[in-house]
């Protein structure tokens, strides 16, 4: 019964290879998209901050800009961690003895 639970290297390759290929393609593309959208959004929020005439609008725009910057930094960090984690996982998986 235990032998049926163990996977061979070929079976593991069939499962893991497509997932790794998708990650290798999507992560750089997502970094580019998030960078572009983040830059445009922060520019728009900066313009809103600069054009705010009342103190309340000024404060709301400032908070929105701060939150957007923190959010985009977190997204970048998570995507980079995914890319690094994928390479670490690939090295581990290829060196693992089944």
N, C-alpha and C. Protein backbone atom coordinates (compact mmCIF):
# COMPACT_ATOMS: atom_id res chain seq x y z
N UNK A 1 0.82 -1.20 0.00
CA UNK A 1 0.00 0.00 0.00
C UNK A 1 0.86 1.26 0.00
N UNK A 2 1.97 1.25 0.73
CA UNK A 2 2.84 2.41 0.80
C UNK A 2 3.48 2.71 -0.55
N UNK A 3 3.76 1.69 -1.33
CA UNK A 3 4.40 1.92 -2.63
C UNK A 3 3.47 2.65 -3.58
N UNK A 4 2.18 2.53 -3.42
CA UNK A 4 1.23 3.24 -4.29
C UNK A 4 1.17 4.74 -3.96
N UNK A 5 1.56 5.13 -2.76
CA UNK A 5 1.54 6.52 -2.37
C UNK A 5 2.76 7.29 -2.87
N UNK A 6 3.85 6.59 -3.14
CA UNK A 6 5.06 7.24 -3.61
C UNK A 6 4.97 7.51 -5.10
N UNK A 7 5.50 8.66 -5.53
CA UNK A 7 5.49 9.02 -6.94
C UNK A 7 6.88 8.82 -7.53
N UNK A 8 6.88 8.49 -8.79
CA UNK A 8 8.16 8.38 -9.48
C UNK A 8 8.58 9.77 -9.95
N UNK A 9 9.82 9.88 -10.38
CA UNK A 9 10.34 11.16 -10.87
C UNK A 9 9.56 11.61 -12.10
N UNK A 10 9.22 10.69 -12.97
CA UNK A 10 8.47 11.04 -14.19
C UNK A 10 7.08 11.57 -13.84
N UNK A 11 6.42 10.95 -12.88
CA UNK A 11 5.09 11.42 -12.47
C UNK A 11 5.17 12.80 -11.83
N UNK A 12 6.20 13.00 -11.02
CA UNK A 12 6.38 14.29 -10.37
C UNK A 12 6.69 15.37 -11.40
N UNK A 13 7.48 15.03 -12.40
CA UNK A 13 7.82 15.99 -13.45
C UNK A 13 6.58 16.41 -14.22
N UNK A 14 5.70 15.48 -14.50
CA UNK A 14 4.45 15.79 -15.22
C UNK A 14 3.60 16.78 -14.43
N UNK A 15 3.63 16.71 -13.13
CA UNK A 15 2.81 17.58 -12.30
C UNK A 15 3.47 18.95 -12.11
N UNK A 16 4.74 18.96 -11.80
CA UNK A 16 5.42 20.20 -11.40
C UNK A 16 5.87 21.05 -12.58
N UNK A 17 6.32 20.45 -13.65
CA UNK A 17 6.86 21.21 -14.78
C UNK A 17 5.89 22.25 -15.34
N UNK A 18 4.62 21.92 -15.59
CA UNK A 18 3.71 22.96 -16.12
C UNK A 18 3.50 24.12 -15.15
N UNK A 19 3.47 23.82 -13.86
CA UNK A 19 3.28 24.88 -12.86
C UNK A 19 4.48 25.82 -12.86
N UNK A 20 5.68 25.26 -12.92
CA UNK A 20 6.89 26.07 -12.93
C UNK A 20 7.00 26.91 -14.20
N UNK A 21 6.59 26.35 -15.33
CA UNK A 21 6.63 27.10 -16.59
C UNK A 21 5.67 28.29 -16.55
N UNK A 22 4.49 28.08 -16.00
CA UNK A 22 3.53 29.18 -15.88
C UNK A 22 4.09 30.27 -14.97
N UNK A 23 4.70 29.89 -13.86
CA UNK A 23 5.30 30.88 -12.95
C UNK A 23 6.43 31.64 -13.61
N UNK A 24 7.26 30.95 -14.40
CA UNK A 24 8.37 31.61 -15.07
C UNK A 24 7.88 32.62 -16.11
N UNK A 25 6.74 32.37 -16.69
CA UNK A 25 6.18 33.29 -17.70
C UNK A 25 5.41 34.43 -17.04
N UNK A 26 4.60 34.11 -16.05
CA UNK A 26 3.70 35.11 -15.47
C UNK A 26 4.37 36.11 -14.54
N UNK A 27 5.34 35.69 -13.76
CA UNK A 27 5.92 36.60 -12.76
C UNK A 27 6.56 37.83 -13.40
N UNK A 28 7.43 37.69 -14.41
CA UNK A 28 7.98 38.92 -15.02
C UNK A 28 6.90 39.79 -15.68
N UNK A 29 5.92 39.16 -16.28
CA UNK A 29 4.83 39.93 -16.89
C UNK A 29 4.03 40.67 -15.83
N UNK A 30 3.75 40.00 -14.73
CA UNK A 30 3.00 40.65 -13.64
C UNK A 30 3.80 41.79 -13.02
N UNK A 31 5.11 41.61 -12.89
CA UNK A 31 5.94 42.69 -12.36
C UNK A 31 5.87 43.92 -13.26
N UNK A 32 5.88 43.71 -14.55
CA UNK A 32 5.79 44.83 -15.49
C UNK A 32 4.44 45.52 -15.40
N UNK A 33 3.38 44.74 -15.37
CA UNK A 33 2.03 45.31 -15.31
C UNK A 33 1.82 46.06 -14.00
N UNK A 34 2.21 45.46 -12.89
CA UNK A 34 2.04 46.11 -11.59
C UNK A 34 2.87 47.38 -11.52
N UNK A 35 4.07 47.35 -12.07
CA UNK A 35 4.91 48.55 -12.08
C UNK A 35 4.29 49.68 -12.88
N UNK A 36 3.76 49.35 -14.05
CA UNK A 36 3.15 50.38 -14.89
C UNK A 36 1.87 50.94 -14.26
N UNK A 37 1.01 50.05 -13.80
CA UNK A 37 -0.24 50.50 -13.18
C UNK A 37 0.05 51.28 -11.90
N UNK A 38 1.01 50.80 -11.11
CA UNK A 38 1.38 51.50 -9.88
C UNK A 38 1.91 52.89 -10.14
N UNK A 39 2.75 53.03 -11.15
CA UNK A 39 3.31 54.35 -11.47
C UNK A 39 2.21 55.31 -11.93
N UNK A 40 1.34 54.84 -12.79
CA UNK A 40 0.24 55.70 -13.29
C UNK A 40 -0.69 56.10 -12.15
N UNK A 41 -1.04 55.11 -11.32
CA UNK A 41 -1.96 55.38 -10.22
C UNK A 41 -1.34 56.37 -9.21
N UNK A 42 -0.06 56.19 -8.90
CA UNK A 42 0.60 57.10 -7.96
C UNK A 42 0.73 58.50 -8.55
N UNK A 43 0.96 58.60 -9.85
CA UNK A 43 1.00 59.92 -10.49
C UNK A 43 -0.36 60.60 -10.40
N UNK A 44 -1.42 59.86 -10.67
CA UNK A 44 -2.77 60.43 -10.57
C UNK A 44 -3.08 60.87 -9.13
N UNK A 45 -2.70 60.06 -8.17
CA UNK A 45 -2.92 60.43 -6.77
C UNK A 45 -2.07 61.63 -6.37
N UNK A 46 -0.86 61.72 -6.93
CA UNK A 46 -0.01 62.88 -6.67
C UNK A 46 -0.60 64.16 -7.22
N UNK A 47 -1.19 64.06 -8.41
CA UNK A 47 -1.86 65.23 -9.00
C UNK A 47 -3.07 65.61 -8.15
N UNK A 48 -3.81 64.61 -7.70
CA UNK A 48 -4.96 64.89 -6.83
C UNK A 48 -4.51 65.55 -5.54
N UNK A 49 -3.39 65.11 -5.00
CA UNK A 49 -2.83 65.69 -3.78
C UNK A 49 -2.40 67.14 -4.01
N UNK A 50 -1.79 67.40 -5.15
CA UNK A 50 -1.31 68.75 -5.45
C UNK A 50 -2.46 69.72 -5.73
N UNK A 51 -3.55 69.20 -6.28
CA UNK A 51 -4.67 70.07 -6.65
C UNK A 51 -5.69 70.24 -5.53
N UNK A 52 -5.51 69.53 -4.42
CA UNK A 52 -6.47 69.62 -3.32
C UNK A 52 -6.45 71.03 -2.74
N UNK A 53 -7.62 71.62 -2.63
CA UNK A 53 -7.69 73.00 -2.16
C UNK A 53 -8.04 73.09 -0.67
N UNK A 54 -8.85 72.18 -0.20
CA UNK A 54 -9.25 72.19 1.20
C UNK A 54 -8.36 71.26 2.01
N UNK A 55 -8.16 71.56 3.28
CA UNK A 55 -7.29 70.72 4.13
C UNK A 55 -7.78 69.27 4.22
N UNK A 56 -9.10 69.08 4.24
CA UNK A 56 -9.64 67.72 4.33
C UNK A 56 -9.33 66.93 3.05
N UNK A 57 -9.50 67.53 1.90
CA UNK A 57 -9.17 66.88 0.63
C UNK A 57 -7.67 66.59 0.56
N UNK A 58 -6.89 67.54 1.02
CA UNK A 58 -5.43 67.40 1.03
C UNK A 58 -5.01 66.19 1.87
N UNK A 59 -5.59 66.07 3.04
CA UNK A 59 -5.26 64.96 3.94
C UNK A 59 -5.73 63.62 3.37
N UNK A 60 -6.94 63.59 2.80
CA UNK A 60 -7.44 62.34 2.19
C UNK A 60 -6.57 61.90 1.02
N UNK A 61 -6.15 62.84 0.19
CA UNK A 61 -5.30 62.51 -0.95
C UNK A 61 -3.93 62.02 -0.47
N UNK A 62 -3.42 62.61 0.58
CA UNK A 62 -2.13 62.19 1.13
C UNK A 62 -2.21 60.76 1.66
N UNK A 63 -3.27 60.45 2.39
CA UNK A 63 -3.45 59.09 2.91
C UNK A 63 -3.62 58.08 1.78
N UNK A 64 -4.38 58.45 0.76
CA UNK A 64 -4.58 57.55 -0.38
C UNK A 64 -3.26 57.27 -1.09
N UNK A 65 -2.44 58.30 -1.25
CA UNK A 65 -1.13 58.12 -1.89
C UNK A 65 -0.23 57.22 -1.04
N UNK A 66 -0.23 57.42 0.25
CA UNK A 66 0.58 56.58 1.13
C UNK A 66 0.13 55.13 1.08
N UNK A 67 -1.17 54.90 1.11
CA UNK A 67 -1.70 53.54 1.06
C UNK A 67 -1.39 52.87 -0.28
N UNK A 68 -1.47 53.62 -1.36
CA UNK A 68 -1.17 53.06 -2.68
C UNK A 68 0.31 52.66 -2.77
N UNK A 69 1.18 53.49 -2.27
CA UNK A 69 2.61 53.18 -2.31
C UNK A 69 2.91 51.93 -1.49
N UNK A 70 2.35 51.85 -0.30
CA UNK A 70 2.57 50.66 0.54
C UNK A 70 2.01 49.41 -0.14
N UNK A 71 0.84 49.52 -0.73
CA UNK A 71 0.23 48.37 -1.42
C UNK A 71 1.07 47.89 -2.59
N UNK A 72 1.56 48.80 -3.40
CA UNK A 72 2.36 48.40 -4.54
C UNK A 72 3.72 47.84 -4.12
N UNK A 73 4.30 48.37 -3.07
CA UNK A 73 5.56 47.81 -2.57
C UNK A 73 5.33 46.38 -2.08
N UNK A 74 4.23 46.14 -1.39
CA UNK A 74 3.93 44.78 -0.93
C UNK A 74 3.72 43.82 -2.10
N UNK A 75 3.03 44.28 -3.13
CA UNK A 75 2.83 43.42 -4.30
C UNK A 75 4.16 43.09 -4.96
N UNK A 76 5.03 44.08 -5.11
CA UNK A 76 6.36 43.83 -5.68
C UNK A 76 7.13 42.82 -4.85
N UNK A 77 7.13 43.01 -3.54
CA UNK A 77 7.87 42.10 -2.67
C UNK A 77 7.34 40.68 -2.78
N UNK A 78 6.02 40.53 -2.80
CA UNK A 78 5.43 39.19 -2.91
C UNK A 78 5.74 38.54 -4.25
N UNK A 79 5.70 39.30 -5.33
CA UNK A 79 6.03 38.73 -6.63
C UNK A 79 7.50 38.34 -6.73
N UNK A 80 8.37 39.14 -6.16
CA UNK A 80 9.79 38.79 -6.16
C UNK A 80 10.03 37.57 -5.28
N UNK A 81 9.35 37.49 -4.15
CA UNK A 81 9.47 36.31 -3.30
C UNK A 81 8.98 35.06 -4.03
N UNK A 82 7.91 35.19 -4.83
CA UNK A 82 7.42 34.06 -5.61
C UNK A 82 8.46 33.62 -6.63
N UNK A 83 9.11 34.59 -7.28
CA UNK A 83 10.13 34.25 -8.26
C UNK A 83 11.32 33.56 -7.60
N UNK A 84 11.79 34.09 -6.49
CA UNK A 84 12.91 33.48 -5.77
C UNK A 84 12.50 32.11 -5.21
N UNK A 85 11.31 32.04 -4.66
CA UNK A 85 10.82 30.77 -4.11
C UNK A 85 10.67 29.71 -5.17
N UNK A 86 10.28 30.10 -6.37
CA UNK A 86 10.16 29.14 -7.47
C UNK A 86 11.51 28.56 -7.83
N UNK A 87 12.53 29.41 -7.89
CA UNK A 87 13.85 28.89 -8.22
C UNK A 87 14.40 27.99 -7.10
N UNK A 88 14.15 28.35 -5.85
CA UNK A 88 14.58 27.50 -4.73
C UNK A 88 13.86 26.16 -4.77
N UNK A 89 12.55 26.21 -5.03
CA UNK A 89 11.76 24.98 -5.12
C UNK A 89 12.25 24.10 -6.27
N UNK A 90 12.57 24.73 -7.40
CA UNK A 90 13.06 23.97 -8.56
C UNK A 90 14.37 23.28 -8.23
N UNK A 91 15.29 23.98 -7.59
CA UNK A 91 16.57 23.38 -7.22
C UNK A 91 16.36 22.22 -6.24
N UNK A 92 15.47 22.41 -5.28
CA UNK A 92 15.20 21.36 -4.31
C UNK A 92 14.57 20.15 -4.99
N UNK A 93 13.60 20.41 -5.85
CA UNK A 93 12.87 19.34 -6.50
C UNK A 93 13.77 18.53 -7.42
N UNK A 94 14.66 19.20 -8.16
CA UNK A 94 15.55 18.49 -9.08
C UNK A 94 16.61 17.70 -8.34
N UNK A 95 16.98 18.10 -7.15
CA UNK A 95 17.99 17.38 -6.38
C UNK A 95 17.41 16.36 -5.42
N UNK A 96 16.09 16.28 -5.33
CA UNK A 96 15.45 15.36 -4.40
C UNK A 96 15.52 13.94 -4.92
N UNK A 97 15.85 13.02 -4.05
CA UNK A 97 15.93 11.59 -4.45
C UNK A 97 14.61 10.92 -4.12
N UNK A 98 13.95 10.42 -5.14
CA UNK A 98 12.64 9.75 -4.95
C UNK A 98 12.83 8.31 -4.63
